[in-house]
């Protein structure tokens, strides 16, 4: 009887099986993807802040609309996501599936501080812009990572190790 090598329980449910079928992206590709994700996310932030300021002129001087305020948090978040992608590729045979769900989970968690500051009295329209910024960062970062720095195919066995028909 063959042993079941797939994990059961919670790890199996979330497809963490420590049996990757693909190899992680190359380091140089990850560096390129990280830079692209940072620049793309910051660009999305700038566009959304400008849009927010034009739609809601009363909040043009809103403290969280200052580049220095949101840029450092954006960079930190994107770098963490970029560090997570190669890890996910090493612990799952379905890395895109896992990473997509992690991106959703982390984005929802990162919306909680926005909900908190809104609850504390920050203007709802300005906070809504911050929330859209979080969503945009998630979309940009996820897509850059999985498409610019995709998993690589497994190594082929050396010619002498392949079985002959």
Protein backbone atom coordinates (compact mmCIF):
# COMPACT_ATOMS: atom_id res chain seq x y z
CA UNK A 1 0.00 0.00 0.00
CA UNK A 2 1.43 3.40 -0.99
CA UNK A 3 1.93 5.95 1.75
CA UNK A 4 -0.05 9.17 1.51
CA UNK A 5 2.57 11.93 1.25
CA UNK A 6 0.15 14.84 1.10
CA UNK A 7 -0.30 16.67 4.39
CA UNK A 8 -3.61 16.38 6.11
CA UNK A 9 -5.42 18.84 8.29
CA UNK A 10 -4.92 22.57 8.03
CA UNK A 11 -1.69 22.40 6.01
CA UNK A 12 -3.34 20.19 3.43
CA UNK A 13 -6.32 22.49 3.27
CA UNK A 14 -4.11 25.50 2.50
CA UNK A 15 -1.89 23.48 0.15
CA UNK A 16 1.29 23.74 2.19
CA UNK A 17 2.86 20.40 1.37
CA UNK A 18 6.62 21.08 1.36
CA UNK A 19 6.73 19.25 -1.98
CA UNK A 20 7.26 21.96 -4.57
CA UNK A 21 6.89 20.84 -8.15
CA UNK A 22 8.50 24.00 -9.48
CA UNK A 23 11.68 25.87 -8.61
CA UNK A 24 11.65 29.38 -7.13
CA UNK A 25 12.41 32.38 -9.36
CA UNK A 26 16.03 33.33 -9.96
CA UNK A 27 17.50 35.92 -7.58
CA UNK A 28 18.10 38.44 -10.35
CA UNK A 29 14.51 38.04 -11.51
CA UNK A 30 13.28 38.56 -7.95
CA UNK A 31 15.33 41.75 -7.62
CA UNK A 32 13.87 43.04 -10.89
CA UNK A 33 10.34 42.09 -9.82
CA UNK A 34 10.82 43.74 -6.43
CA UNK A 35 11.93 47.01 -8.00
CA UNK A 36 9.03 46.84 -10.46
CA UNK A 37 6.53 46.08 -7.69
CA UNK A 38 7.80 48.98 -5.58
CA UNK A 39 7.74 51.43 -8.49
CA UNK A 40 4.37 50.18 -9.72
CA UNK A 41 2.83 50.35 -6.25
CA UNK A 42 4.20 53.82 -5.56
CA UNK A 43 2.94 54.97 -8.95
CA UNK A 44 -0.52 53.60 -8.17
CA UNK A 45 -0.38 55.36 -4.79
CA UNK A 46 0.54 58.70 -6.35
CA UNK A 47 -2.22 58.41 -8.95
CA UNK A 48 -4.83 57.44 -6.36
CA UNK A 49 -3.79 60.23 -3.99
CA UNK A 50 -4.00 62.78 -6.80
CA UNK A 51 -7.39 61.39 -7.78
CA UNK A 52 -8.52 61.53 -4.15
CA UNK A 53 -7.35 65.14 -3.83
CA UNK A 54 -9.18 66.13 -7.00
CA UNK A 55 -12.39 64.30 -6.04
CA UNK A 56 -12.28 65.49 -2.44
CA UNK A 57 -10.52 68.90 -2.42
CA UNK A 58 -11.29 69.38 1.27
CA UNK A 59 -8.70 66.67 1.99
CA UNK A 60 -5.87 67.90 -0.24
CA UNK A 61 -3.70 68.44 2.87
CA UNK A 62 -4.74 65.21 4.59
CA UNK A 63 -1.72 63.91 6.51
CA UNK A 64 -1.90 60.40 5.06
CA UNK A 65 -1.88 61.83 1.53
CA UNK A 66 1.72 63.00 1.98
CA UNK A 67 4.18 60.96 -0.10
CA UNK A 68 6.50 60.49 2.88
CA UNK A 69 3.62 59.09 4.92
CA UNK A 70 2.44 56.39 2.54
CA UNK A 71 5.65 55.67 0.61
CA UNK A 72 7.59 54.14 3.49
CA UNK A 73 4.69 51.85 4.41
CA UNK A 74 4.19 50.87 0.78
CA UNK A 75 7.85 49.98 0.32
CA UNK A 76 7.93 47.95 3.55
CA UNK A 77 4.80 46.02 2.59
CA UNK A 78 5.95 45.33 -0.96
CA UNK A 79 9.38 44.16 0.19
CA UNK A 80 7.75 41.76 2.67
CA UNK A 81 5.47 40.40 -0.07
CA UNK A 82 8.44 40.01 -2.40
CA UNK A 83 10.33 38.09 0.29
CA UNK A 84 7.31 35.84 0.82
CA UNK A 85 6.93 34.79 -2.82
CA UNK A 86 10.09 32.64 -3.06
CA UNK A 87 9.27 31.12 0.33
CA UNK A 88 5.81 30.12 -0.86
CA UNK A 89 7.35 28.56 -3.97
CA UNK A 90 9.47 26.36 -1.72
CA UNK A 91 6.70 25.14 0.59
CA UNK A 92 3.86 24.45 -1.81
CA UNK A 93 3.27 22.50 -4.96
CA UNK A 94 0.57 25.11 -5.77
CA UNK A 95 2.44 28.36 -5.06
CA UNK A 96 0.23 30.70 -7.10
CA UNK A 97 -2.88 29.32 -5.42
CA UNK A 98 -1.35 29.83 -1.96
CA UNK A 99 0.13 33.25 -2.72
CA UNK A 100 -3.14 34.56 -4.15
CA UNK A 101 -4.98 33.61 -0.99
CA UNK A 102 -2.21 35.01 1.19
CA UNK A 103 -2.41 38.29 -0.75
CA UNK A 104 -6.14 38.49 -0.06
CA UNK A 105 -5.70 37.64 3.63
CA UNK A 106 -2.88 40.13 4.16
CA UNK A 107 -4.77 42.85 2.29
CA UNK A 108 -7.83 42.34 4.48
CA UNK A 109 -5.64 42.52 7.61
CA UNK A 110 -3.95 45.68 6.31
CA UNK A 111 -7.36 47.31 5.85
CA UNK A 112 -8.00 47.01 9.60
CA UNK A 113 -5.86 50.05 10.53
CA UNK A 114 -7.83 52.06 7.96
CA UNK A 115 -11.08 50.95 9.57
CA UNK A 116 -9.62 51.89 12.95
CA UNK A 117 -8.59 55.42 11.95
CA UNK A 118 -12.00 55.92 10.33
CA UNK A 119 -13.65 54.74 13.54
CA UNK A 120 -11.43 57.19 15.46
CA UNK A 121 -12.87 60.08 13.41
CA UNK A 122 -10.72 60.33 10.29
CA UNK A 123 -12.73 61.45 7.23
CA UNK A 124 -14.45 58.51 5.51
CA UNK A 125 -13.70 59.71 1.97
CA UNK A 126 -9.99 60.10 2.69
CA UNK A 127 -9.85 56.72 4.42
CA UNK A 128 -11.63 55.17 1.43
CA UNK A 129 -8.78 56.42 -0.77
CA UNK A 130 -6.28 54.76 1.59
CA UNK A 131 -8.23 51.52 1.34
CA UNK A 132 -8.22 51.64 -2.45
CA UNK A 133 -4.48 52.25 -2.28
CA UNK A 134 -4.08 49.02 -0.28
CA UNK A 135 -6.05 47.12 -2.90
CA UNK A 136 -4.02 48.63 -5.75
CA UNK A 137 -0.73 47.74 -4.05
CA UNK A 138 -1.91 44.15 -3.61
CA UNK A 139 -2.97 43.84 -7.25
CA UNK A 140 0.24 45.37 -8.59
CA UNK A 141 2.55 43.38 -6.32
CA UNK A 142 0.82 40.03 -6.84
CA UNK A 143 0.78 40.36 -10.62
CA UNK A 144 4.37 41.55 -10.88
CA UNK A 145 5.61 38.70 -8.74
CA UNK A 146 3.75 35.83 -10.34
CA UNK A 147 4.21 37.05 -13.93
CA UNK A 148 7.61 38.78 -13.89
CA UNK A 149 9.19 36.34 -11.41
CA UNK A 150 7.32 33.09 -12.08
CA UNK A 151 8.31 29.73 -10.73
CA UNK A 152 10.77 27.87 -12.89
CA UNK A 153 10.32 24.40 -14.30
CA UNK A 154 11.97 21.56 -12.38
CA UNK A 155 15.48 20.61 -13.35
CA UNK A 156 15.74 17.78 -15.81
CA UNK A 157 17.55 14.71 -14.63
CA UNK A 158 21.06 14.37 -16.07
CA UNK A 159 21.14 12.42 -19.31
CA UNK A 160 22.94 9.47 -17.71
CA UNK A 161 20.31 9.26 -14.93
CA UNK A 162 17.29 9.08 -17.26
CA UNK A 163 15.79 5.69 -17.85
CA UNK A 164 15.95 4.36 -21.35
CA UNK A 165 12.74 3.08 -23.00
